[in-house]
């Protein structure tokens, strides 16, 4: 799954730690999501979308292999 989390954070001038604090996770979790090593739960994805005032689809996008 691709994501634009790092770009969204930069646009809102937030560090990984800032975002983590706002949604109640560790900075390592944000790093893992950004690097594609961790796919967030629906709840976590909704929180991220709320922080950036956008739809989940504006942050996360399925790739072809996600359909297999």
PDB file of N, CA and C in Angstrom:
ATOM      1  N   UNK A   1       0.846  -1.168   0.000  1.00  0.00           N
ATOM      2  CA  UNK A   1       0.000   0.000   0.000  1.00  0.00           C
ATOM      3  C   UNK A   1       0.895   1.234   0.000  1.00  0.00           C
ATOM      4  N   UNK A   2       0.643   2.127  -0.940  1.00  0.00           N
ATOM      5  CA  UNK A   2       1.396   3.380  -0.999  1.00  0.00           C
ATOM      6  C   UNK A   2       0.729   4.402  -0.088  1.00  0.00           C
ATOM      7  N   UNK A   3       1.530   5.359   0.380  1.00  0.00           N
ATOM      8  CA  UNK A   3       0.948   6.432   1.167  1.00  0.00           C
ATOM      9  C   UNK A   3       1.709   7.733   0.957  1.00  0.00           C
ATOM     10  N   UNK A   4       1.023   8.819   1.243  1.00  0.00           N
ATOM     11  CA  UNK A   4       1.614  10.153   1.114  1.00  0.00           C
ATOM     12  C   UNK A   4       1.725  10.809   2.492  1.00  0.00           C
ATOM     13  N   UNK A   5       1.847   9.993   3.506  1.00  0.00           N
ATOM     14  CA  UNK A   5       1.858  10.501   4.878  1.00  0.00           C
ATOM     15  C   UNK A   5       2.992  11.492   5.120  1.00  0.00           C
ATOM     16  N   UNK A   6       4.184  11.179   4.622  1.00  0.00           N
ATOM     17  CA  UNK A   6       5.327  12.063   4.826  1.00  0.00           C
ATOM     18  C   UNK A   6       5.070  13.429   4.180  1.00  0.00           C
ATOM     19  N   UNK A   7       4.489  13.423   2.989  1.00  0.00           N
ATOM     20  CA  UNK A   7       4.170  14.670   2.286  1.00  0.00           C
ATOM     21  C   UNK A   7       3.118  15.462   3.057  1.00  0.00           C
ATOM     22  N   UNK A   8       2.070  14.773   3.517  1.00  0.00           N
ATOM     23  CA  UNK A   8       1.015  15.442   4.290  1.00  0.00           C
ATOM     24  C   UNK A   8       1.595  16.064   5.560  1.00  0.00           C
ATOM     25  N   UNK A   9       2.483  15.338   6.234  1.00  0.00           N
ATOM     26  CA  UNK A   9       3.106  15.862   7.443  1.00  0.00           C
ATOM     27  C   UNK A   9       3.896  17.131   7.147  1.00  0.00           C
ATOM     28  N   UNK A  10       4.672  17.081   6.058  1.00  0.00           N
ATOM     29  CA  UNK A  10       5.491  18.238   5.685  1.00  0.00           C
ATOM     30  C   UNK A  10       4.612  19.446   5.355  1.00  0.00           C
ATOM     31  N   UNK A  11       3.509  19.191   4.670  1.00  0.00           N
ATOM     32  CA  UNK A  11       2.605  20.283   4.311  1.00  0.00           C
ATOM     33  C   UNK A  11       1.994  20.940   5.543  1.00  0.00           C
ATOM     34  N   UNK A  12       1.867  20.167   6.619  1.00  0.00           N
ATOM     35  CA  UNK A  12       1.285  20.689   7.864  1.00  0.00           C
ATOM     36  C   UNK A  12       2.356  21.004   8.908  1.00  0.00           C
ATOM     37  N   UNK A  13       3.623  20.948   8.487  1.00  0.00           N
ATOM     38  CA  UNK A  13       4.748  21.271   9.361  1.00  0.00           C
ATOM     39  C   UNK A  13       4.723  20.451  10.652  1.00  0.00           C
ATOM     40  N   UNK A  14       4.518  19.142  10.508  1.00  0.00           N
ATOM     41  CA  UNK A  14       4.495  18.237  11.660  1.00  0.00           C
ATOM     42  C   UNK A  14       5.661  17.255  11.568  1.00  0.00           C
ATOM     43  N   UNK A  15       6.306  17.006  12.690  1.00  0.00           N
ATOM     44  CA  UNK A  15       7.309  15.944  12.747  1.00  0.00           C
ATOM     45  C   UNK A  15       6.578  14.611  12.953  1.00  0.00           C
ATOM     46  N   UNK A  16       7.325  13.531  12.825  1.00  0.00           N
ATOM     47  CA  UNK A  16       6.734  12.220  13.124  1.00  0.00           C
ATOM     48  C   UNK A  16       6.260  12.194  14.573  1.00  0.00           C
ATOM     49  N   UNK A  17       7.041  12.765  15.461  1.00  0.00           N
ATOM     50  CA  UNK A  17       6.676  12.780  16.886  1.00  0.00           C
ATOM     51  C   UNK A  17       5.421  13.616  17.117  1.00  0.00           C
ATOM     52  N   UNK A  18       5.305  14.749  16.427  1.00  0.00           N
ATOM     53  CA  UNK A  18       4.109  15.590  16.562  1.00  0.00           C
ATOM     54  C   UNK A  18       2.858  14.822  16.160  1.00  0.00           C
ATOM     55  N   UNK A  19       2.918  14.184  14.999  1.00  0.00           N
ATOM     56  CA  UNK A  19       1.758  13.430  14.516  1.00  0.00           C
ATOM     57  C   UNK A  19       1.436  12.274  15.458  1.00  0.00           C
ATOM     58  N   UNK A  20       2.471  11.581  15.899  1.00  0.00           N
ATOM     59  CA  UNK A  20       2.274  10.454  16.815  1.00  0.00           C
ATOM     60  C   UNK A  20       1.552  10.898  18.079  1.00  0.00           C
ATOM     61  N   UNK A  21       1.953  12.018  18.630  1.00  0.00           N
ATOM     62  CA  UNK A  21       1.328  12.539  19.843  1.00  0.00           C
ATOM     63  C   UNK A  21      -0.139  12.880  19.601  1.00  0.00           C
ATOM     64  N   UNK A  22      -0.421  13.494  18.453  1.00  0.00           N
ATOM     65  CA  UNK A  22      -1.796  13.902  18.143  1.00  0.00           C
ATOM     66  C   UNK A  22      -2.748  12.716  18.018  1.00  0.00           C
ATOM     67  N   UNK A  23      -2.235  11.570  17.523  1.00  0.00           N
ATOM     68  CA  UNK A  23      -3.138  10.434  17.325  1.00  0.00           C
ATOM     69  C   UNK A  23      -2.921   9.299  18.323  1.00  0.00           C
ATOM     70  N   UNK A  24      -1.979   9.488  19.248  1.00  0.00           N
ATOM     71  CA  UNK A  24      -1.819   8.526  20.340  1.00  0.00           C
ATOM     72  C   UNK A  24      -1.064   7.258  20.007  1.00  0.00           C
ATOM     73  N   UNK A  25      -0.038   7.381  19.161  1.00  0.00           N
ATOM     74  CA  UNK A  25       0.822   6.237  18.847  1.00  0.00           C
ATOM     75  C   UNK A  25       2.272   6.664  19.032  1.00  0.00           C
ATOM     76  N   UNK A  26       3.191   5.738  18.824  1.00  0.00           N
ATOM     77  CA  UNK A  26       4.608   6.072  18.951  1.00  0.00           C
ATOM     78  C   UNK A  26       5.139   6.673  17.646  1.00  0.00           C
ATOM     79  N   UNK A  27       6.249   7.375  17.759  1.00  0.00           N
ATOM     80  CA  UNK A  27       6.906   7.916  16.576  1.00  0.00           C
ATOM     81  C   UNK A  27       7.334   6.779  15.653  1.00  0.00           C
ATOM     82  N   UNK A  28       7.720   5.652  16.250  1.00  0.00           N
ATOM     83  CA  UNK A  28       8.139   4.493  15.465  1.00  0.00           C
ATOM     84  C   UNK A  28       6.993   3.967  14.600  1.00  0.00           C
ATOM     85  N   UNK A  29       5.760   4.054  15.108  1.00  0.00           N
ATOM     86  CA  UNK A  29       4.600   3.626  14.326  1.00  0.00           C
ATOM     87  C   UNK A  29       4.441   4.508  13.093  1.00  0.00           C
ATOM     88  N   UNK A  30       4.593   5.808  13.271  1.00  0.00           N
ATOM     89  CA  UNK A  30       4.490   6.726  12.130  1.00  0.00           C
ATOM     90  C   UNK A  30       5.581   6.419  11.121  1.00  0.00           C
ATOM     91  N   UNK A  31       6.795   6.188  11.595  1.00  0.00           N
ATOM     92  CA  UNK A  31       7.908   5.843  10.706  1.00  0.00           C
ATOM     93  C   UNK A  31       7.597   4.557   9.930  1.00  0.00           C
ATOM     94  N   UNK A  32       7.080   3.554  10.622  1.00  0.00           N
ATOM     95  CA  UNK A  32       6.769   2.278   9.978  1.00  0.00           C
ATOM     96  C   UNK A  32       5.683   2.434   8.914  1.00  0.00           C
ATOM     97  N   UNK A  33       4.688   3.260   9.182  1.00  0.00           N
ATOM     98  CA  UNK A  33       3.628   3.508   8.191  1.00  0.00           C
ATOM     99  C   UNK A  33       4.225   4.222   6.985  1.00  0.00           C
ATOM    100  N   UNK A  34       4.993   5.263   7.219  1.00  0.00           N
ATOM    101  CA  UNK A  34       5.585   6.032   6.120  1.00  0.00           C
ATOM    102  C   UNK A  34       6.486   5.176   5.236  1.00  0.00           C
ATOM    103  N   UNK A  35       7.209   4.265   5.850  1.00  0.00           N
ATOM    104  CA  UNK A  35       8.137   3.422   5.086  1.00  0.00           C
ATOM    105  C   UNK A  35       7.468   2.191   4.474  1.00  0.00           C
ATOM    106  N   UNK A  36       6.164   2.030   4.706  1.00  0.00           N
ATOM    107  CA  UNK A  36       5.432   0.908   4.115  1.00  0.00           C
ATOM    108  C   UNK A  36       5.615  -0.408   4.838  1.00  0.00           C
ATOM    109  N   UNK A  37       6.195  -0.375   6.020  1.00  0.00           N
ATOM    110  CA  UNK A  37       6.415  -1.606   6.784  1.00  0.00           C
ATOM    111  C   UNK A  37       5.226  -1.974   7.645  1.00  0.00           C
ATOM    112  N   UNK A  38       4.295  -1.042   7.798  1.00  0.00           N
ATOM    113  CA  UNK A  38       3.121  -1.270   8.649  1.00  0.00           C
ATOM    114  C   UNK A  38       1.902  -0.636   7.992  1.00  0.00           C
ATOM    115  N   UNK A  39       0.849  -1.423   7.860  1.00  0.00           N
ATOM    116  CA  UNK A  39      -0.419  -0.913   7.338  1.00  0.00           C
ATOM    117  C   UNK A  39      -1.294  -0.579   8.547  1.00  0.00           C
ATOM    118  N   UNK A  40      -1.679   0.681   8.669  1.00  0.00           N
ATOM    119  CA  UNK A  40      -2.438   1.087   9.857  1.00  0.00           C
ATOM    120  C   UNK A  40      -3.845   0.502   9.885  1.00  0.00           C
ATOM    121  N   UNK A  41      -4.382   0.403  11.076  1.00  0.00           N
ATOM    122  CA  UNK A  41      -5.773  -0.021  11.230  1.00  0.00           C
ATOM    123  C   UNK A  41      -6.678   1.050  10.638  1.00  0.00           C
ATOM    124  N   UNK A  42      -7.923   0.699  10.405  1.00  0.00           N
ATOM    125  CA  UNK A  42      -8.892   1.667   9.890  1.00  0.00           C
ATOM    126  C   UNK A  42      -9.024   2.837  10.853  1.00  0.00           C
ATOM    127  N   UNK A  43      -9.051   2.552  12.128  1.00  0.00           N
ATOM    128  CA  UNK A  43      -9.171   3.596  13.143  1.00  0.00           C
ATOM    129  C   UNK A  43      -7.997   4.577  13.062  1.00  0.00           C
ATOM    130  N   UNK A  44      -6.791   4.053  12.951  1.00  0.00           N
ATOM    131  CA  UNK A  44      -5.606   4.901  12.859  1.00  0.00           C
ATOM    132  C   UNK A  44      -5.609   5.709  11.560  1.00  0.00           C
ATOM    133  N   UNK A  45      -5.988   5.083  10.467  1.00  0.00           N
ATOM    134  CA  UNK A  45      -6.058   5.785   9.175  1.00  0.00           C
ATOM    135  C   UNK A  45      -7.092   6.907   9.229  1.00  0.00           C
ATOM    136  N   UNK A  46      -8.226   6.659   9.878  1.00  0.00           N
ATOM    137  CA  UNK A  46      -9.257   7.703  10.014  1.00  0.00           C
ATOM    138  C   UNK A  46      -8.750   8.871  10.857  1.00  0.00           C
ATOM    139  N   UNK A  47      -8.000   8.568  11.905  1.00  0.00           N
ATOM    140  CA  UNK A  47      -7.428   9.632  12.729  1.00  0.00           C
ATOM    141  C   UNK A  47      -6.457  10.484  11.918  1.00  0.00           C
ATOM    142  N   UNK A  48      -5.628   9.832  11.117  1.00  0.00           N
ATOM    143  CA  UNK A  48      -4.685  10.567  10.265  1.00  0.00           C
ATOM    144  C   UNK A  48      -5.434  11.465   9.285  1.00  0.00           C
ATOM    145  N   UNK A  49      -6.456  10.921   8.664  1.00  0.00           N
ATOM    146  CA  UNK A  49      -7.251  11.700   7.711  1.00  0.00           C
ATOM    147  C   UNK A  49      -7.904  12.897   8.408  1.00  0.00           C
ATOM    148  N   UNK A  50      -8.362  12.705   9.622  1.00  0.00           N
ATOM    149  CA  UNK A  50      -8.989  13.797  10.369  1.00  0.00           C
ATOM    150  C   UNK A  50      -7.971  14.897  10.679  1.00  0.00           C
ATOM    151  N   UNK A  51      -6.760  14.507  11.063  1.00  0.00           N
ATOM    152  CA  UNK A  51      -5.710  15.485  11.359  1.00  0.00           C
ATOM    153  C   UNK A  51      -5.424  16.343  10.125  1.00  0.00           C
ATOM    154  N   UNK A  52      -5.399  15.694   8.949  1.00  0.00           N
ATOM    155  CA  UNK A  52      -5.065  16.412   7.718  1.00  0.00           C
ATOM    156  C   UNK A  52      -6.299  16.919   6.976  1.00  0.00           C
ATOM    157  N   UNK A  53      -7.468  16.739   7.581  1.00  0.00           N
ATOM    158  CA  UNK A  53      -8.727  17.205   7.004  1.00  0.00           C
ATOM    159  C   UNK A  53      -8.897  16.761   5.556  1.00  0.00           C
ATOM    160  N   UNK A  54      -8.762  15.441   5.365  1.00  0.00           N
ATOM    161  CA  UNK A  54      -8.906  14.872   4.025  1.00  0.00           C
ATOM    162  C   UNK A  54      -9.498  13.469   4.136  1.00  0.00           C
ATOM    163  N   UNK A  55      -9.747  12.860   3.009  1.00  0.00           N
ATOM    164  CA  UNK A  55     -10.234  11.481   2.977  1.00  0.00           C
ATOM    165  C   UNK A  55      -9.050  10.525   3.102  1.00  0.00           C
ATOM    166  N   UNK A  56      -9.319   9.329   3.591  1.00  0.00           N
ATOM    167  CA  UNK A  56      -8.279   8.300   3.710  1.00  0.00           C
ATOM    168  C   UNK A  56      -7.608   8.071   2.363  1.00  0.00           C
ATOM    169  N   UNK A  57      -8.404   8.108   1.297  1.00  0.00           N
ATOM    170  CA  UNK A  57      -7.875   7.859  -0.041  1.00  0.00           C
ATOM    171  C   UNK A  57      -6.861   8.909  -0.479  1.00  0.00           C
ATOM    172  N   UNK A  58      -6.852  10.065   0.179  1.00  0.00           N
ATOM    173  CA  UNK A  58      -5.865  11.095  -0.135  1.00  0.00           C
ATOM    174  C   UNK A  58      -4.520  10.810   0.538  1.00  0.00           C
ATOM    175  N   UNK A  59      -4.505   9.834   1.437  1.00  0.00           N
ATOM    176  CA  UNK A  59      -3.266   9.449   2.120  1.00  0.00           C
ATOM    177  C   UNK A  59      -2.797   8.069   1.679  1.00  0.00           C
ATOM    178  N   UNK A  60      -3.741   7.126   1.565  1.00  0.00           N
ATOM    179  CA  UNK A  60      -3.397   5.733   1.268  1.00  0.00           C
ATOM    180  C   UNK A  60      -3.972   5.291  -0.068  1.00  0.00           C
ATOM    181  N   UNK A  61      -3.185   4.487  -0.792  1.00  0.00           N
ATOM    182  CA  UNK A  61      -3.618   3.980  -2.094  1.00  0.00           C
ATOM    183  C   UNK A  61      -3.186   2.529  -2.248  1.00  0.00           C
ATOM    184  N   UNK A  62      -4.115   1.688  -2.659  1.00  0.00           N
ATOM    185  CA  UNK A  62      -3.792   0.286  -2.894  1.00  0.00           C
ATOM    186  C   UNK A  62      -2.913   0.148  -4.128  1.00  0.00           C
ATOM    187  N   UNK A  63      -1.987  -0.783  -4.070  1.00  0.00           N
ATOM    188  CA  UNK A  63      -1.151  -1.114  -5.216  1.00  0.00           C
ATOM    189  C   UNK A  63      -1.656  -2.433  -5.796  1.00  0.00           C
ATOM    190  N   UNK A  64      -1.217  -2.772  -6.991  1.00  0.00           N
ATOM    191  CA  UNK A  64      -1.683  -3.991  -7.661  1.00  0.00           C
ATOM    192  C   UNK A  64      -1.514  -5.224  -6.790  1.00  0.00           C
ATOM    193  N   UNK A  65      -0.375  -5.352  -6.124  1.00  0.00           N
ATOM    194  CA  UNK A  65      -0.121  -6.559  -5.313  1.00  0.00           C
ATOM    195  C   UNK A  65      -1.025  -6.655  -4.094  1.00  0.00           C
ATOM    196  N   UNK A  66      -1.646  -5.547  -3.706  1.00  0.00           N
ATOM    197  CA  UNK A  66      -2.580  -5.580  -2.592  1.00  0.00           C
ATOM    198  C   UNK A  66      -3.870  -6.323  -2.940  1.00  0.00           C
ATOM    199  N   UNK A  67      -4.114  -6.503  -4.224  1.00  0.00           N
ATOM    200  CA  UNK A  67      -5.322  -7.204  -4.676  1.00  0.00           C
ATOM    201  C   UNK A  67      -5.110  -8.709  -4.783  1.00  0.00           C
ATOM    202  N   UNK A  68      -3.877  -9.160  -4.647  1.00  0.00           N
ATOM    203  CA  UNK A  68      -3.584 -10.588  -4.804  1.00  0.00           C
ATOM    204  C   UNK A  68      -3.719 -11.340  -3.507  1.00  0.00           C
TER     205      UNK A  68
END
